[in-house]
N, C-alpha and C. Protein backbone atom coordinates (compact mmCIF):
# COMPACT_ATOMS: atom_id res chain seq x y z
N MET A 1 0.84 -1.18 0.00
CA MET A 1 0.00 0.00 0.00
C MET A 1 0.89 1.25 0.00
N LYS A 2 0.50 2.22 -0.79
CA LYS A 2 1.26 3.46 -0.88
C LYS A 2 1.08 4.29 0.38
N ILE A 3 2.11 5.04 0.70
CA ILE A 3 2.11 5.89 1.89
C ILE A 3 0.99 6.92 1.85
N MET A 4 0.77 7.54 0.70
CA MET A 4 -0.24 8.60 0.59
C MET A 4 -1.63 8.08 0.94
N LYS A 5 -1.91 6.83 0.63
CA LYS A 5 -3.22 6.26 0.92
C LYS A 5 -3.42 6.06 2.43
N ARG A 6 -2.33 6.06 3.19
CA ARG A 6 -2.42 5.85 4.62
C ARG A 6 -2.50 7.16 5.41
N LEU A 7 -2.44 8.29 4.75
CA LEU A 7 -2.52 9.57 5.46
C LEU A 7 -3.95 9.82 5.91
N PRO A 8 -4.11 10.31 7.14
CA PRO A 8 -5.46 10.59 7.66
C PRO A 8 -6.14 11.73 6.89
N GLY A 9 -7.46 11.82 7.05
CA GLY A 9 -8.23 12.85 6.38
C GLY A 9 -8.23 14.19 7.07
N LEU A 10 -8.10 14.21 8.40
CA LEU A 10 -8.07 15.49 9.11
C LEU A 10 -6.76 16.21 8.82
N PRO A 11 -6.82 17.50 8.48
CA PRO A 11 -5.60 18.23 8.11
C PRO A 11 -4.48 18.16 9.15
N VAL A 12 -4.80 18.32 10.44
CA VAL A 12 -3.75 18.29 11.45
C VAL A 12 -3.11 16.90 11.53
N GLU A 13 -3.93 15.87 11.41
CA GLU A 13 -3.39 14.51 11.43
C GLU A 13 -2.60 14.21 10.16
N ARG A 14 -3.04 14.77 9.04
CA ARG A 14 -2.31 14.60 7.78
C ARG A 14 -0.92 15.23 7.89
N ALA A 15 -0.87 16.46 8.42
CA ALA A 15 0.42 17.15 8.59
C ALA A 15 1.34 16.35 9.50
N LEU A 16 0.80 15.86 10.60
CA LEU A 16 1.61 15.06 11.52
C LEU A 16 2.04 13.75 10.87
N GLY A 17 1.19 13.18 10.02
CA GLY A 17 1.54 11.95 9.31
C GLY A 17 2.71 12.15 8.36
N VAL A 18 2.76 13.31 7.72
CA VAL A 18 3.87 13.61 6.80
C VAL A 18 5.17 13.77 7.59
N LEU A 19 5.09 14.39 8.77
CA LEU A 19 6.29 14.64 9.58
C LEU A 19 6.64 13.49 10.52
N ALA A 20 5.70 12.57 10.73
CA ALA A 20 5.93 11.48 11.68
C ALA A 20 7.06 10.57 11.22
N GLY A 21 7.81 10.11 12.16
CA GLY A 21 8.96 9.26 11.87
C GLY A 21 10.17 9.86 12.54
N ARG A 22 11.05 9.01 13.00
CA ARG A 22 12.20 9.46 13.79
C ARG A 22 13.07 10.48 13.05
N TRP A 23 13.17 10.40 11.74
CA TRP A 23 14.14 11.21 11.02
C TRP A 23 13.56 12.19 10.00
N LYS A 24 12.27 12.16 9.72
CA LYS A 24 11.72 13.00 8.66
C LYS A 24 11.93 14.49 8.93
N ALA A 25 11.60 14.95 10.12
CA ALA A 25 11.77 16.38 10.43
C ALA A 25 13.24 16.77 10.38
N VAL A 26 14.10 15.87 10.84
CA VAL A 26 15.54 16.15 10.81
C VAL A 26 16.01 16.24 9.36
N LEU A 27 15.57 15.33 8.52
CA LEU A 27 15.94 15.37 7.10
C LEU A 27 15.46 16.65 6.44
N LEU A 28 14.23 17.04 6.68
CA LEU A 28 13.71 18.29 6.12
C LEU A 28 14.53 19.48 6.60
N TYR A 29 14.86 19.49 7.88
CA TYR A 29 15.66 20.57 8.46
C TYR A 29 17.03 20.65 7.78
N VAL A 30 17.67 19.50 7.59
CA VAL A 30 18.99 19.46 6.95
C VAL A 30 18.89 19.89 5.48
N LEU A 31 17.83 19.49 4.80
CA LEU A 31 17.68 19.85 3.38
C LEU A 31 17.33 21.32 3.18
N LEU A 32 17.00 22.03 4.25
CA LEU A 32 16.82 23.49 4.14
C LEU A 32 18.12 24.16 3.72
N ASP A 33 19.27 23.48 3.94
CA ASP A 33 20.57 23.99 3.53
C ASP A 33 20.78 23.90 2.02
N GLY A 34 19.91 23.18 1.32
CA GLY A 34 20.04 23.03 -0.12
C GLY A 34 20.21 21.57 -0.50
N PRO A 35 20.32 21.30 -1.82
CA PRO A 35 20.42 19.92 -2.32
C PRO A 35 21.62 19.20 -1.70
N GLN A 36 21.43 17.91 -1.42
CA GLN A 36 22.50 17.12 -0.83
C GLN A 36 22.45 15.68 -1.32
N ARG A 37 23.62 15.11 -1.45
CA ARG A 37 23.73 13.72 -1.88
C ARG A 37 23.38 12.79 -0.72
N THR A 38 23.00 11.60 -1.07
CA THR A 38 22.62 10.60 -0.07
C THR A 38 23.74 10.40 0.93
N ARG A 39 24.95 10.21 0.46
CA ARG A 39 26.06 9.94 1.37
C ARG A 39 26.36 11.13 2.28
N ASP A 40 26.13 12.36 1.78
CA ASP A 40 26.33 13.54 2.62
C ASP A 40 25.27 13.61 3.73
N LEU A 41 24.04 13.26 3.39
CA LEU A 41 22.98 13.21 4.40
C LEU A 41 23.32 12.17 5.47
N GLU A 42 23.82 11.04 5.03
CA GLU A 42 24.19 9.97 5.96
C GLU A 42 25.31 10.43 6.89
N ARG A 43 26.25 11.18 6.38
CA ARG A 43 27.36 11.70 7.19
C ARG A 43 26.89 12.79 8.16
N ARG A 44 25.98 13.61 7.70
CA ARG A 44 25.54 14.76 8.51
C ARG A 44 24.62 14.38 9.66
N ILE A 45 23.83 13.34 9.50
CA ILE A 45 22.84 12.99 10.52
C ILE A 45 23.37 11.83 11.35
N VAL A 46 23.74 12.14 12.57
CA VAL A 46 24.34 11.17 13.47
C VAL A 46 23.31 10.11 13.87
N GLY A 47 23.66 8.85 13.66
CA GLY A 47 22.83 7.75 14.13
C GLY A 47 21.82 7.20 13.13
N ILE A 48 21.74 7.76 11.94
CA ILE A 48 20.79 7.24 10.95
C ILE A 48 21.48 6.18 10.10
N SER A 49 20.81 5.07 9.90
CA SER A 49 21.38 4.02 9.04
C SER A 49 21.02 4.32 7.59
N GLN A 50 21.78 3.76 6.67
CA GLN A 50 21.51 3.98 5.26
C GLN A 50 20.12 3.48 4.87
N LYS A 51 19.72 2.33 5.41
CA LYS A 51 18.42 1.75 5.11
C LYS A 51 17.29 2.69 5.55
N VAL A 52 17.37 3.18 6.76
CA VAL A 52 16.33 4.08 7.28
C VAL A 52 16.36 5.41 6.54
N LEU A 53 17.54 5.90 6.23
CA LEU A 53 17.66 7.14 5.47
C LEU A 53 16.91 7.04 4.15
N ILE A 54 17.16 5.97 3.41
CA ILE A 54 16.50 5.77 2.12
C ILE A 54 14.99 5.63 2.30
N GLU A 55 14.55 4.87 3.30
CA GLU A 55 13.11 4.71 3.55
C GLU A 55 12.45 6.06 3.83
N GLN A 56 13.07 6.86 4.70
CA GLN A 56 12.50 8.15 5.07
C GLN A 56 12.50 9.11 3.89
N LEU A 57 13.57 9.10 3.09
CA LEU A 57 13.63 9.96 1.90
C LEU A 57 12.56 9.57 0.89
N ARG A 58 12.36 8.27 0.71
CA ARG A 58 11.32 7.80 -0.22
C ARG A 58 9.93 8.23 0.24
N ALA A 59 9.69 8.15 1.55
CA ALA A 59 8.40 8.59 2.08
C ALA A 59 8.22 10.09 1.86
N LEU A 60 9.26 10.87 2.13
CA LEU A 60 9.17 12.32 1.92
C LEU A 60 8.98 12.65 0.44
N GLU A 61 9.60 11.86 -0.42
CA GLU A 61 9.42 12.05 -1.86
C GLU A 61 7.97 11.76 -2.25
N GLU A 62 7.42 10.69 -1.72
CA GLU A 62 6.03 10.35 -2.03
C GLU A 62 5.07 11.41 -1.50
N HIS A 63 5.41 12.03 -0.38
CA HIS A 63 4.58 13.09 0.20
C HIS A 63 4.74 14.41 -0.57
N GLY A 64 5.64 14.44 -1.54
CA GLY A 64 5.81 15.64 -2.37
C GLY A 64 6.68 16.72 -1.75
N THR A 65 7.41 16.38 -0.68
CA THR A 65 8.23 17.39 0.00
C THR A 65 9.69 17.37 -0.44
N VAL A 66 10.10 16.29 -1.10
CA VAL A 66 11.50 16.12 -1.51
C VAL A 66 11.52 15.58 -2.94
N THR A 67 12.50 16.01 -3.72
CA THR A 67 12.71 15.43 -5.05
C THR A 67 14.07 14.74 -5.08
N ARG A 68 14.18 13.78 -5.96
CA ARG A 68 15.39 12.98 -6.11
C ARG A 68 15.85 13.13 -7.55
N ARG A 69 17.16 13.32 -7.72
CA ARG A 69 17.69 13.40 -9.08
C ARG A 69 19.13 12.89 -9.08
N SER A 70 19.61 12.53 -10.26
CA SER A 70 20.99 12.08 -10.38
C SER A 70 21.92 13.26 -10.14
N SER A 71 23.02 12.98 -9.43
CA SER A 71 24.00 14.03 -9.14
C SER A 71 24.81 14.36 -10.38
N ALA A 72 25.06 15.62 -10.57
CA ALA A 72 25.89 16.05 -11.69
C ALA A 72 27.32 15.55 -11.48
N GLY A 73 27.88 14.94 -12.50
CA GLY A 73 29.27 14.49 -12.44
C GLY A 73 29.46 13.16 -11.74
N ASP A 74 28.41 12.57 -11.22
CA ASP A 74 28.50 11.28 -10.53
C ASP A 74 27.33 10.42 -10.99
N PRO A 75 27.55 9.58 -12.00
CA PRO A 75 26.46 8.81 -12.58
C PRO A 75 25.73 7.90 -11.59
N GLN A 76 26.40 7.48 -10.51
CA GLN A 76 25.75 6.62 -9.53
C GLN A 76 25.24 7.40 -8.32
N GLY A 77 25.58 8.68 -8.25
CA GLY A 77 25.17 9.49 -7.11
C GLY A 77 23.76 10.02 -7.27
N VAL A 78 23.08 10.17 -6.15
CA VAL A 78 21.73 10.70 -6.13
C VAL A 78 21.72 11.90 -5.19
N GLU A 79 20.98 12.91 -5.59
CA GLU A 79 20.89 14.14 -4.81
C GLU A 79 19.42 14.40 -4.47
N TYR A 80 19.20 14.84 -3.24
CA TYR A 80 17.84 15.17 -2.79
C TYR A 80 17.75 16.66 -2.50
N GLN A 81 16.59 17.22 -2.79
CA GLN A 81 16.35 18.62 -2.45
C GLN A 81 14.88 18.81 -2.12
N LEU A 82 14.60 19.88 -1.40
CA LEU A 82 13.22 20.19 -1.05
C LEU A 82 12.47 20.69 -2.27
N THR A 83 11.22 20.32 -2.36
CA THR A 83 10.32 20.91 -3.35
C THR A 83 9.81 22.22 -2.74
N PRO A 84 9.12 23.05 -3.51
CA PRO A 84 8.50 24.23 -2.90
C PRO A 84 7.56 23.85 -1.75
N LEU A 85 6.86 22.73 -1.89
CA LEU A 85 5.99 22.25 -0.81
C LEU A 85 6.82 21.92 0.43
N GLY A 86 7.95 21.26 0.24
CA GLY A 86 8.84 20.93 1.36
C GLY A 86 9.43 22.18 1.99
N ALA A 87 9.84 23.13 1.16
CA ALA A 87 10.41 24.38 1.69
C ALA A 87 9.38 25.16 2.49
N SER A 88 8.09 24.97 2.17
CA SER A 88 7.04 25.68 2.91
C SER A 88 6.93 25.18 4.35
N LEU A 89 7.60 24.07 4.68
CA LEU A 89 7.60 23.55 6.04
C LEU A 89 8.60 24.27 6.96
N LYS A 90 9.43 25.15 6.40
CA LYS A 90 10.43 25.83 7.24
C LYS A 90 9.80 26.51 8.45
N PRO A 91 8.77 27.35 8.30
CA PRO A 91 8.21 27.98 9.50
C PRO A 91 7.55 26.97 10.44
N VAL A 92 7.04 25.89 9.90
CA VAL A 92 6.44 24.85 10.74
C VAL A 92 7.52 24.19 11.59
N LEU A 93 8.64 23.84 10.97
CA LEU A 93 9.75 23.24 11.70
C LEU A 93 10.29 24.19 12.76
N GLU A 94 10.44 25.47 12.41
CA GLU A 94 10.92 26.46 13.38
C GLU A 94 9.95 26.58 14.55
N SER A 95 8.65 26.56 14.27
CA SER A 95 7.64 26.62 15.33
C SER A 95 7.70 25.38 16.21
N LEU A 96 7.90 24.22 15.61
CA LEU A 96 8.01 22.99 16.39
C LEU A 96 9.24 23.00 17.30
N ILE A 97 10.34 23.53 16.79
CA ILE A 97 11.55 23.66 17.62
C ILE A 97 11.28 24.58 18.80
N ASP A 98 10.66 25.73 18.52
CA ASP A 98 10.33 26.67 19.60
C ASP A 98 9.38 26.05 20.61
N TRP A 99 8.34 25.36 20.13
CA TRP A 99 7.38 24.76 21.04
C TRP A 99 8.02 23.64 21.86
N GLY A 100 8.87 22.85 21.23
CA GLY A 100 9.57 21.79 21.95
C GLY A 100 10.42 22.34 23.08
N THR A 101 11.08 23.47 22.82
CA THR A 101 11.88 24.13 23.85
C THR A 101 10.98 24.67 24.96
N PHE A 102 9.88 25.30 24.58
CA PHE A 102 8.91 25.81 25.55
C PHE A 102 8.35 24.68 26.40
N HIS A 103 7.98 23.59 25.77
CA HIS A 103 7.42 22.43 26.48
C HIS A 103 8.41 21.91 27.52
N ALA A 104 9.65 21.72 27.10
CA ALA A 104 10.67 21.22 28.03
C ALA A 104 10.89 22.18 29.19
N THR A 105 10.89 23.47 28.90
CA THR A 105 11.07 24.48 29.94
C THR A 105 9.91 24.45 30.93
N GLU A 106 8.69 24.38 30.41
CA GLU A 106 7.49 24.36 31.26
C GLU A 106 7.46 23.14 32.17
N LEU A 107 8.04 22.04 31.73
CA LEU A 107 8.05 20.81 32.52
C LEU A 107 9.37 20.62 33.27
N ASP A 108 10.15 21.70 33.37
CA ASP A 108 11.45 21.66 34.05
C ASP A 108 12.37 20.57 33.50
N GLU A 109 12.35 20.42 32.19
CA GLU A 109 13.20 19.42 31.54
C GLU A 109 14.12 20.04 30.50
N ALA A 110 14.34 21.34 30.59
CA ALA A 110 15.20 22.02 29.61
C ALA A 110 16.60 21.44 29.60
N ASP A 111 17.04 20.91 30.74
CA ASP A 111 18.38 20.32 30.81
C ASP A 111 18.48 19.03 30.00
N ARG A 112 17.36 18.46 29.57
CA ARG A 112 17.36 17.25 28.77
C ARG A 112 17.42 17.53 27.27
N LEU A 113 17.28 18.79 26.88
CA LEU A 113 17.31 19.14 25.46
C LEU A 113 18.71 18.97 24.91
N LEU A 114 18.78 18.55 23.66
CA LEU A 114 20.06 18.40 22.97
C LEU A 114 20.27 19.54 22.00
N PRO A 115 21.49 20.00 21.84
CA PRO A 115 21.75 20.98 20.79
C PRO A 115 21.65 20.29 19.42
N CYS A 116 21.33 21.04 18.40
CA CYS A 116 21.22 20.47 17.05
C CYS A 116 22.50 19.72 16.67
N ALA A 117 23.64 20.25 17.09
CA ALA A 117 24.92 19.65 16.73
C ALA A 117 25.06 18.22 17.26
N ALA A 118 24.23 17.82 18.22
CA ALA A 118 24.28 16.46 18.74
C ALA A 118 23.76 15.46 17.70
N VAL A 119 22.95 15.93 16.77
CA VAL A 119 22.36 15.04 15.77
C VAL A 119 22.75 15.44 14.35
N VAL A 120 22.89 16.74 14.10
CA VAL A 120 23.17 17.22 12.75
C VAL A 120 24.54 17.90 12.70
N ARG A 121 25.40 17.34 11.85
CA ARG A 121 26.73 17.93 11.65
C ARG A 121 26.62 19.07 10.63
N HIS A 122 27.57 20.00 10.70
CA HIS A 122 27.61 21.09 9.74
C HIS A 122 27.88 20.55 8.34
N ARG A 123 27.37 21.25 7.36
CA ARG A 123 27.57 20.86 5.98
C ARG A 123 29.02 21.09 5.57
N ALA A 124 29.62 20.10 4.93
CA ALA A 124 30.99 20.22 4.45
C ALA A 124 31.04 21.22 3.31
N ALA A 125 32.10 21.98 3.28
CA ALA A 125 32.24 23.01 2.23
C ALA A 125 32.63 22.41 0.91
């Protein structure tokens, strides 16, 4: 069964369904930096396996938030980038980061928050 057929009908549940998954929001956040090759995404995101990376990217592609294309100069390389629909998630992701920080603070758990650098490495030049 295709992923799109499993998305709920209520808009809020649909949005959460697109973002649900351990790595989807992180992948979208990292792709805000621009197009990136599969191996670069794997290097940048600490703890993601290649299998899960590909699964999550395929789901995001099916949701219309990410596109996949062959890398220039590398016939076997694949590059992913956000679609305009995916880029429209930037303020949503920023709001979720802010709310997550607020939530942790309100519950006296701010000390449990991780810096982005704990999961996402800087993009190589």
